[in-house]
Amino acid sequence: MSGLYFEEFEEGQEFHHALTRTVTEMDNVMFSAMTHNPQPLHLDEEYSKGTFYGQRIVNSLFTLGLVIGVTVADTTLGTTLGNLGMTNIRFKKPVFHGDTIRVVTTIKSKRASKSRPGEGIVEFIHTGYNQRDEEIAYVERTGLMKMKAAAS
């Protein structure tokens, strides 16, 4: 597994994830359809031309999932026990079809779990950027992580 154990994270540590992803029209339409979101801002090009965006925007929950997903291989793949919460979510710029997203993760804090021996809690800050280096999304995510000692 390429994920890190609780002990391998340090407060202030930054990950500049090499994995990037260009968002396609199909991503947006399929995600909106699978989540039963009929918002015309995501699906109706003619409607969207009349908005201040002038075109369809990508579903923000797809954007959030993509920003977090890009981080998994470098941080939590095989070493997480699950997400405990997500807070302070914000979308500073819209994402459009054809935008390429990159992500930076910063470790905000970490502590041993008080209720689950052999496990730790890590707070991640994930910030997504488009190809113009504009911040498009921000989320603080709390994860329950395996400890090395308990895994062996």
N, C-alpha and C. Protein backbone atom coordinates (compact mmCIF):
# COMPACT_ATOMS: atom_id res chain seq x y z
N MET A 1 0.83 -1.19 0.00
CA MET A 1 0.00 0.00 0.00
C MET A 1 0.88 1.25 0.00
N SER A 2 0.43 2.28 -0.68
CA SER A 2 1.23 3.50 -0.75
C SER A 2 0.80 4.55 0.26
N GLY A 3 -0.28 4.29 1.01
CA GLY A 3 -0.72 5.25 2.02
C GLY A 3 0.24 5.28 3.20
N LEU A 4 0.15 6.33 3.97
CA LEU A 4 1.01 6.52 5.13
C LEU A 4 0.25 6.16 6.40
N TYR A 5 0.98 5.64 7.36
CA TYR A 5 0.42 5.37 8.67
C TYR A 5 0.41 6.65 9.49
N PHE A 6 -0.38 6.65 10.55
CA PHE A 6 -0.52 7.80 11.44
C PHE A 6 0.84 8.40 11.81
N GLU A 7 1.79 7.55 12.19
CA GLU A 7 3.10 8.02 12.66
C GLU A 7 3.90 8.73 11.57
N GLU A 8 3.57 8.49 10.32
CA GLU A 8 4.33 9.06 9.21
C GLU A 8 3.87 10.47 8.82
N PHE A 9 2.78 10.92 9.39
CA PHE A 9 2.30 12.28 9.12
C PHE A 9 2.90 13.25 10.13
N GLU A 10 3.20 14.46 9.70
CA GLU A 10 3.70 15.52 10.57
C GLU A 10 2.87 16.77 10.34
N GLU A 11 2.56 17.47 11.41
CA GLU A 11 1.82 18.72 11.27
C GLU A 11 2.61 19.67 10.37
N GLY A 12 1.92 20.31 9.45
CA GLY A 12 2.54 21.23 8.51
C GLY A 12 3.08 20.57 7.25
N GLN A 13 3.16 19.26 7.24
CA GLN A 13 3.66 18.52 6.07
C GLN A 13 2.79 18.82 4.86
N GLU A 14 3.42 19.02 3.70
CA GLU A 14 2.70 19.30 2.46
C GLU A 14 2.95 18.23 1.43
N PHE A 15 1.90 17.92 0.70
CA PHE A 15 1.96 16.98 -0.42
C PHE A 15 1.50 17.73 -1.66
N HIS A 16 2.37 17.81 -2.65
CA HIS A 16 2.00 18.37 -3.95
C HIS A 16 1.77 17.17 -4.85
N HIS A 17 0.54 16.76 -4.96
CA HIS A 17 0.19 15.51 -5.64
C HIS A 17 0.49 15.59 -7.13
N ALA A 18 1.21 14.60 -7.62
CA ALA A 18 1.59 14.58 -9.04
C ALA A 18 0.40 14.26 -9.94
N LEU A 19 -0.56 13.51 -9.42
CA LEU A 19 -1.73 13.14 -10.20
C LEU A 19 -2.59 14.37 -10.47
N THR A 20 -2.92 14.61 -11.73
CA THR A 20 -3.84 15.68 -12.11
C THR A 20 -4.97 15.04 -12.92
N ARG A 21 -6.03 15.81 -13.12
CA ARG A 21 -7.18 15.25 -13.85
C ARG A 21 -7.89 16.35 -14.61
N THR A 22 -8.09 16.13 -15.90
CA THR A 22 -8.89 17.04 -16.71
C THR A 22 -10.35 16.58 -16.62
N VAL A 23 -11.22 17.50 -16.25
CA VAL A 23 -12.64 17.21 -16.07
C VAL A 23 -13.33 17.25 -17.44
N THR A 24 -14.11 16.23 -17.72
CA THR A 24 -14.80 16.15 -19.01
C THR A 24 -16.29 16.42 -18.85
N GLU A 25 -16.93 16.68 -19.97
CA GLU A 25 -18.38 16.84 -19.99
C GLU A 25 -19.05 15.56 -19.47
N MET A 26 -18.52 14.41 -19.87
CA MET A 26 -19.11 13.15 -19.43
C MET A 26 -19.03 13.00 -17.91
N ASP A 27 -17.91 13.39 -17.29
CA ASP A 27 -17.79 13.34 -15.83
C ASP A 27 -18.96 14.09 -15.19
N ASN A 28 -19.19 15.30 -15.66
CA ASN A 28 -20.19 16.18 -15.07
C ASN A 28 -21.61 15.64 -15.29
N VAL A 29 -21.91 15.25 -16.51
CA VAL A 29 -23.26 14.76 -16.83
C VAL A 29 -23.54 13.45 -16.10
N MET A 30 -22.59 12.52 -16.12
CA MET A 30 -22.82 11.23 -15.46
C MET A 30 -22.93 11.39 -13.95
N PHE A 31 -22.07 12.19 -13.34
CA PHE A 31 -22.14 12.39 -11.90
C PHE A 31 -23.48 13.02 -11.52
N SER A 32 -23.89 14.03 -12.26
CA SER A 32 -25.18 14.69 -11.98
C SER A 32 -26.33 13.70 -12.14
N ALA A 33 -26.28 12.88 -13.17
CA ALA A 33 -27.34 11.88 -13.37
C ALA A 33 -27.33 10.83 -12.27
N MET A 34 -26.15 10.33 -11.89
CA MET A 34 -26.07 9.28 -10.87
C MET A 34 -26.52 9.78 -9.50
N THR A 35 -26.40 11.07 -9.25
CA THR A 35 -26.80 11.62 -7.95
C THR A 35 -28.17 12.30 -8.02
N HIS A 36 -28.87 12.08 -9.12
CA HIS A 36 -30.23 12.63 -9.31
C HIS A 36 -30.28 14.14 -9.16
N ASN A 37 -29.27 14.82 -9.67
CA ASN A 37 -29.19 16.27 -9.59
C ASN A 37 -29.53 16.86 -10.96
N PRO A 38 -30.75 17.35 -11.15
CA PRO A 38 -31.16 17.88 -12.47
C PRO A 38 -30.84 19.36 -12.67
N GLN A 39 -29.97 19.93 -11.87
CA GLN A 39 -29.65 21.36 -11.94
C GLN A 39 -29.25 21.74 -13.37
N PRO A 40 -29.99 22.68 -13.99
CA PRO A 40 -29.63 23.07 -15.36
C PRO A 40 -28.26 23.72 -15.48
N LEU A 41 -27.71 24.26 -14.39
CA LEU A 41 -26.35 24.81 -14.45
C LEU A 41 -25.32 23.74 -14.81
N HIS A 42 -25.65 22.48 -14.54
CA HIS A 42 -24.75 21.38 -14.85
C HIS A 42 -25.08 20.70 -16.17
N LEU A 43 -26.35 20.75 -16.58
CA LEU A 43 -26.81 19.89 -17.67
C LEU A 43 -27.31 20.60 -18.92
N ASP A 44 -27.71 21.85 -18.83
CA ASP A 44 -28.39 22.53 -19.93
C ASP A 44 -27.53 23.68 -20.45
N GLU A 45 -26.87 23.44 -21.57
CA GLU A 45 -25.96 24.43 -22.15
C GLU A 45 -26.69 25.73 -22.51
N GLU A 46 -27.88 25.62 -23.10
CA GLU A 46 -28.62 26.83 -23.50
C GLU A 46 -29.03 27.64 -22.28
N TYR A 47 -29.52 26.99 -21.25
CA TYR A 47 -29.86 27.69 -20.02
C TYR A 47 -28.63 28.39 -19.44
N SER A 48 -27.52 27.65 -19.41
CA SER A 48 -26.30 28.16 -18.78
C SER A 48 -25.69 29.34 -19.52
N LYS A 49 -25.96 29.43 -20.82
CA LYS A 49 -25.46 30.59 -21.58
C LYS A 49 -26.03 31.90 -21.04
N GLY A 50 -27.22 31.84 -20.43
CA GLY A 50 -27.87 33.02 -19.89
C GLY A 50 -27.46 33.36 -18.46
N THR A 51 -26.54 32.58 -17.88
CA THR A 51 -26.07 32.86 -16.53
C THR A 51 -24.78 33.67 -16.59
N PHE A 52 -24.33 34.16 -15.44
CA PHE A 52 -23.08 34.93 -15.46
C PHE A 52 -21.87 34.06 -15.74
N TYR A 53 -22.02 32.72 -15.70
CA TYR A 53 -20.91 31.83 -16.10
C TYR A 53 -20.81 31.75 -17.62
N GLY A 54 -21.94 31.85 -18.30
CA GLY A 54 -21.97 31.77 -19.75
C GLY A 54 -21.84 30.37 -20.31
N GLN A 55 -21.74 29.39 -19.44
CA GLN A 55 -21.60 27.99 -19.84
C GLN A 55 -21.93 27.10 -18.63
N ARG A 56 -22.03 25.80 -18.86
CA ARG A 56 -22.29 24.88 -17.75
C ARG A 56 -21.11 24.86 -16.79
N ILE A 57 -21.41 24.66 -15.51
CA ILE A 57 -20.36 24.49 -14.51
C ILE A 57 -20.41 23.04 -14.02
N VAL A 58 -19.28 22.57 -13.55
CA VAL A 58 -19.18 21.19 -13.06
C VAL A 58 -19.81 21.12 -11.68
N ASN A 59 -20.53 20.04 -11.45
CA ASN A 59 -21.19 19.76 -10.18
C ASN A 59 -20.17 19.88 -9.04
N SER A 60 -20.47 20.69 -8.03
CA SER A 60 -19.50 20.95 -6.97
C SER A 60 -19.19 19.70 -6.14
N LEU A 61 -20.14 18.78 -6.02
CA LEU A 61 -19.84 17.55 -5.27
C LEU A 61 -18.89 16.64 -6.05
N PHE A 62 -18.95 16.69 -7.37
CA PHE A 62 -17.95 15.97 -8.17
C PHE A 62 -16.58 16.60 -7.93
N THR A 63 -16.53 17.94 -7.94
CA THR A 63 -15.27 18.64 -7.70
C THR A 63 -14.69 18.26 -6.34
N LEU A 64 -15.52 18.26 -5.31
CA LEU A 64 -15.07 17.88 -3.97
C LEU A 64 -14.53 16.46 -3.96
N GLY A 65 -15.26 15.53 -4.54
CA GLY A 65 -14.80 14.14 -4.59
C GLY A 65 -13.51 13.98 -5.36
N LEU A 66 -13.35 14.71 -6.45
CA LEU A 66 -12.13 14.65 -7.23
C LEU A 66 -10.94 15.19 -6.45
N VAL A 67 -11.14 16.33 -5.79
CA VAL A 67 -10.05 16.93 -5.02
C VAL A 67 -9.58 15.96 -3.93
N ILE A 68 -10.49 15.33 -3.24
CA ILE A 68 -10.10 14.37 -2.21
C ILE A 68 -9.52 13.11 -2.85
N GLY A 69 -10.14 12.62 -3.89
CA GLY A 69 -9.68 11.39 -4.54
C GLY A 69 -8.26 11.46 -5.06
N VAL A 70 -7.87 12.60 -5.59
CA VAL A 70 -6.51 12.78 -6.11
C VAL A 70 -5.48 12.54 -5.02
N THR A 71 -5.84 12.77 -3.77
CA THR A 71 -4.89 12.70 -2.66
C THR A 71 -4.67 11.28 -2.11
N VAL A 72 -5.57 10.37 -2.42
CA VAL A 72 -5.59 9.06 -1.75
C VAL A 72 -4.30 8.27 -1.93
N ALA A 73 -3.80 8.17 -3.14
CA ALA A 73 -2.61 7.33 -3.38
C ALA A 73 -1.40 7.77 -2.56
N ASP A 74 -1.26 9.07 -2.35
CA ASP A 74 -0.10 9.59 -1.62
C ASP A 74 -0.28 9.61 -0.10
N THR A 75 -1.52 9.52 0.36
CA THR A 75 -1.75 9.75 1.79
C THR A 75 -2.43 8.60 2.51
N THR A 76 -3.52 8.08 2.00
CA THR A 76 -4.36 7.18 2.80
C THR A 76 -4.67 5.82 2.18
N LEU A 77 -4.10 5.51 1.04
CA LEU A 77 -4.42 4.26 0.35
C LEU A 77 -4.02 3.05 1.20
N GLY A 78 -5.01 2.34 1.70
CA GLY A 78 -4.77 1.15 2.50
C GLY A 78 -4.46 1.40 3.96
N THR A 79 -4.36 2.65 4.37
CA THR A 79 -4.00 2.95 5.76
C THR A 79 -5.08 3.74 6.49
N THR A 80 -6.15 4.07 5.80
CA THR A 80 -7.24 4.78 6.48
C THR A 80 -8.31 3.79 6.91
N LEU A 81 -8.98 4.15 7.96
CA LEU A 81 -10.12 3.36 8.44
C LEU A 81 -11.42 4.09 8.15
N GLY A 82 -11.33 5.27 7.56
CA GLY A 82 -12.53 6.00 7.15
C GLY A 82 -12.45 7.47 7.45
N ASN A 83 -13.35 8.20 6.82
CA ASN A 83 -13.48 9.63 7.06
C ASN A 83 -14.37 9.86 8.27
N LEU A 84 -13.97 10.79 9.12
CA LEU A 84 -14.77 11.16 10.29
C LEU A 84 -15.56 12.43 10.05
N GLY A 85 -15.14 13.23 9.09
CA GLY A 85 -15.87 14.45 8.80
C GLY A 85 -15.16 15.33 7.80
N MET A 86 -15.93 16.25 7.25
CA MET A 86 -15.40 17.25 6.32
C MET A 86 -16.02 18.58 6.70
N THR A 87 -15.20 19.60 6.83
CA THR A 87 -15.69 20.91 7.24
C THR A 87 -15.06 22.00 6.39
N ASN A 88 -15.55 23.21 6.60
CA ASN A 88 -15.00 24.40 5.93
C ASN A 88 -14.84 24.20 4.43
N ILE A 89 -15.82 23.56 3.82
CA ILE A 89 -15.79 23.33 2.37
C ILE A 89 -16.15 24.64 1.68
N ARG A 90 -15.32 25.00 0.68
CA ARG A 90 -15.65 26.19 -0.11
C ARG A 90 -15.18 26.00 -1.55
N PHE A 91 -15.91 26.64 -2.43
CA PHE A 91 -15.60 26.59 -3.85
C PHE A 91 -15.38 28.03 -4.31
N LYS A 92 -14.11 28.39 -4.54
CA LYS A 92 -13.76 29.78 -4.83
C LYS A 92 -13.98 30.16 -6.30
N LYS A 93 -13.79 29.20 -7.18
CA LYS A 93 -13.97 29.44 -8.61
C LYS A 93 -14.74 28.25 -9.17
N PRO A 94 -15.56 28.48 -10.18
CA PRO A 94 -16.25 27.34 -10.80
C PRO A 94 -15.28 26.50 -11.62
N VAL A 95 -15.64 25.24 -11.77
CA VAL A 95 -14.89 24.33 -12.64
C VAL A 95 -15.71 24.14 -13.90
N PHE A 96 -15.04 24.21 -15.05
CA PHE A 96 -15.69 24.05 -16.34
C PHE A 96 -15.15 22.80 -17.03
N HIS A 97 -15.92 22.28 -17.98
CA HIS A 97 -15.44 21.16 -18.78
C HIS A 97 -14.10 21.56 -19.41
N GLY A 98 -13.12 20.68 -19.32
CA GLY A 98 -11.80 20.95 -19.88
C GLY A 98 -10.80 21.49 -18.87
N ASP A 99 -11.25 21.88 -17.68
CA ASP A 99 -10.30 22.34 -16.65
C ASP A 99 -9.49 21.16 -16.12
N THR A 100 -8.23 21.39 -15.86
CA THR A 100 -7.35 20.37 -15.29
C THR A 100 -7.09 20.73 -13.83
N ILE A 101 -7.35 19.77 -12.96
CA ILE A 101 -7.30 20.01 -11.52
C ILE A 101 -6.05 19.36 -10.93
N ARG A 102 -5.38 20.12 -10.06
CA ARG A 102 -4.27 19.60 -9.26
C ARG A 102 -4.58 19.91 -7.81
N VAL A 103 -3.93 19.18 -6.88
CA VAL A 103 -4.27 19.31 -5.47
C VAL A 103 -3.01 19.38 -4.60
N VAL A 104 -3.09 20.18 -3.56
CA VAL A 104 -2.07 20.24 -2.52
C VAL A 104 -2.75 19.88 -1.20
N THR A 105 -2.11 19.00 -0.44
CA THR A 105 -2.61 18.60 0.87
C THR A 105 -1.64 19.09 1.93
N THR A 106 -2.18 19.65 3.01
CA THR A 106 -1.39 20.06 4.17
C THR A 106 -1.94 19.33 5.38
N ILE A 107 -1.07 18.80 6.22
CA ILE A 107 -1.50 18.15 7.46
C ILE A 107 -1.72 19.24 8.50
N LYS A 108 -2.95 19.39 8.91
CA LYS A 108 -3.32 20.43 9.88
C LYS A 108 -2.98 20.00 11.30
N SER A 109 -3.33 18.75 11.64
CA SER A 109 -3.07 18.27 12.99
C SER A 109 -3.17 16.75 13.00
N LYS A 110 -2.70 16.17 14.11
CA LYS A 110 -2.83 14.73 14.31
C LYS A 110 -2.80 14.47 15.81
N ARG A 111 -3.50 13.39 16.20
CA ARG A 111 -3.50 12.97 17.60
C ARG A 111 -3.91 11.51 17.67
N ALA A 112 -3.45 10.85 18.69
CA ALA A 112 -3.87 9.46 18.92
C ALA A 112 -5.35 9.47 19.30
N SER A 113 -6.06 8.47 18.86
CA SER A 113 -7.48 8.34 19.21
C SER A 113 -7.61 8.03 20.69
N LYS A 114 -8.55 8.69 21.36
CA LYS A 114 -8.80 8.44 22.78
C LYS A 114 -9.67 7.21 22.98
N SER A 115 -10.50 6.89 22.01
CA SER A 115 -11.45 5.79 22.16
C SER A 115 -11.06 4.52 21.40
N ARG A 116 -10.07 4.62 20.51
CA ARG A 116 -9.68 3.47 19.69
C ARG A 116 -8.17 3.29 19.75
N PRO A 117 -7.68 2.50 20.70
CA PRO A 117 -6.24 2.27 20.82
C PRO A 117 -5.67 1.71 19.50
N GLY A 118 -4.47 2.16 19.17
CA GLY A 118 -3.83 1.69 17.95
C GLY A 118 -4.27 2.43 16.70
N GLU A 119 -5.04 3.50 16.87
CA GLU A 119 -5.50 4.30 15.75
C GLU A 119 -5.29 5.77 16.05
N GLY A 120 -5.20 6.58 15.00
CA GLY A 120 -4.98 8.00 15.18
C GLY A 120 -5.89 8.82 14.29
N ILE A 121 -6.02 10.07 14.63
CA ILE A 121 -6.87 11.00 13.88
C ILE A 121 -5.98 12.05 13.23
N VAL A 122 -6.13 12.19 11.92
CA VAL A 122 -5.35 13.17 11.16
C VAL A 122 -6.32 14.13 10.50
N GLU A 123 -6.02 15.43 10.62
CA GLU A 123 -6.79 16.46 9.92
C GLU A 123 -6.00 16.89 8.69
N PHE A 124 -6.63 16.72 7.54
CA PHE A 124 -6.04 17.07 6.25
C PHE A 124 -6.69 18.35 5.74
N ILE A 125 -5.90 19.21 5.11
CA ILE A 125 -6.44 20.34 4.35
C ILE A 125 -6.13 20.04 2.89
N HIS A 126 -7.17 19.95 2.07
CA HIS A 126 -7.00 19.70 0.64
C HIS A 126 -7.42 20.96 -0.11
N THR A 127 -6.53 21.45 -0.97
CA THR A 127 -6.82 22.63 -1.78
C THR A 127 -6.63 22.26 -3.24
N GLY A 128 -7.68 22.48 -4.02
CA GLY A 128 -7.65 22.19 -5.46
C GLY A 128 -7.43 23.45 -6.27
N TYR A 129 -6.68 23.30 -7.36
CA TYR A 129 -6.36 24.41 -8.25
C TYR A 129 -6.64 24.00 -9.69
N ASN A 130 -7.01 24.97 -10.51
CA ASN A 130 -7.16 24.70 -11.95
C ASN A 130 -5.84 24.97 -12.67
N GLN A 131 -5.87 24.84 -13.97
CA GLN A 131 -4.66 24.98 -14.79
C GLN A 131 -4.12 26.42 -14.79
N ARG A 132 -4.91 27.36 -14.31
CA ARG A 132 -4.46 28.75 -14.20
C ARG A 132 -3.97 29.07 -12.79
N ASP A 133 -3.79 28.01 -11.97
CA ASP A 133 -3.37 28.13 -10.57
C ASP A 133 -4.34 28.94 -9.72
N GLU A 134 -5.62 28.94 -10.11
CA GLU A 134 -6.67 29.56 -9.32
C GLU A 134 -7.23 28.51 -8.36
N GLU A 135 -7.40 28.90 -7.10
CA GLU A 135 -8.00 27.96 -6.15
C GLU A 135 -9.45 27.72 -6.54
N ILE A 136 -9.82 26.44 -6.68
CA ILE A 136 -11.19 26.11 -7.06
C ILE A 136 -11.95 25.45 -5.91
N ALA A 137 -11.24 24.81 -4.98
CA ALA A 137 -11.93 24.14 -3.87
C ALA A 137 -11.00 24.00 -2.68
N TYR A 138 -11.62 23.97 -1.50
CA TYR A 138 -10.90 23.84 -0.24
C TYR A 138 -11.76 22.99 0.68
N VAL A 139 -11.14 22.05 1.38
CA VAL A 139 -11.88 21.24 2.35
C VAL A 139 -10.92 20.80 3.46
N GLU A 140 -11.41 20.80 4.68
CA GLU A 140 -10.69 20.22 5.80
C GLU A 140 -11.36 18.88 6.09
N ARG A 141 -10.57 17.82 6.06
CA ARG A 141 -11.09 16.46 6.20
C ARG A 141 -10.40 15.78 7.37
N THR A 142 -11.18 15.10 8.18
CA THR A 142 -10.64 14.36 9.31
C THR A 142 -10.73 12.88 9.01
N GLY A 143 -9.59 12.18 9.15
CA GLY A 143 -9.55 10.76 8.86
C GLY A 143 -9.06 9.95 10.05
N LEU A 144 -9.62 8.78 10.19
CA LEU A 144 -9.17 7.82 11.19
C LEU A 144 -8.13 6.94 10.52
N MET A 145 -6.91 6.92 11.07
CA MET A 145 -5.78 6.28 10.41
C MET A 145 -5.23 5.11 11.25
N LYS A 146 -4.71 4.11 10.55
CA LYS A 146 -4.03 3.00 11.21
C LYS A 146 -2.69 3.48 11.76
N MET A 147 -2.29 2.89 12.87
CA MET A 147 -0.94 3.10 13.40
C MET A 147 -0.09 1.91 12.99
N LYS A 148 1.20 2.15 12.78
CA LYS A 148 2.13 1.08 12.38
C LYS A 148 2.15 -0.05 13.38
N ALA A 149 2.28 0.27 14.64
CA ALA A 149 2.41 -0.75 15.69
C ALA A 149 1.20 -1.68 15.68
N ALA A 150 0.01 -1.13 15.50
CA ALA A 150 -1.21 -1.95 15.52
C ALA A 150 -1.33 -2.78 14.25
N ALA A 151 -0.74 -2.31 13.14
CA ALA A 151 -0.84 -3.02 11.87
C ALA A 151 0.06 -4.24 11.79
N SER A 152 1.13 -4.24 12.60
CA SER A 152 2.09 -5.36 12.50
C SER A 152 1.79 -6.47 13.49
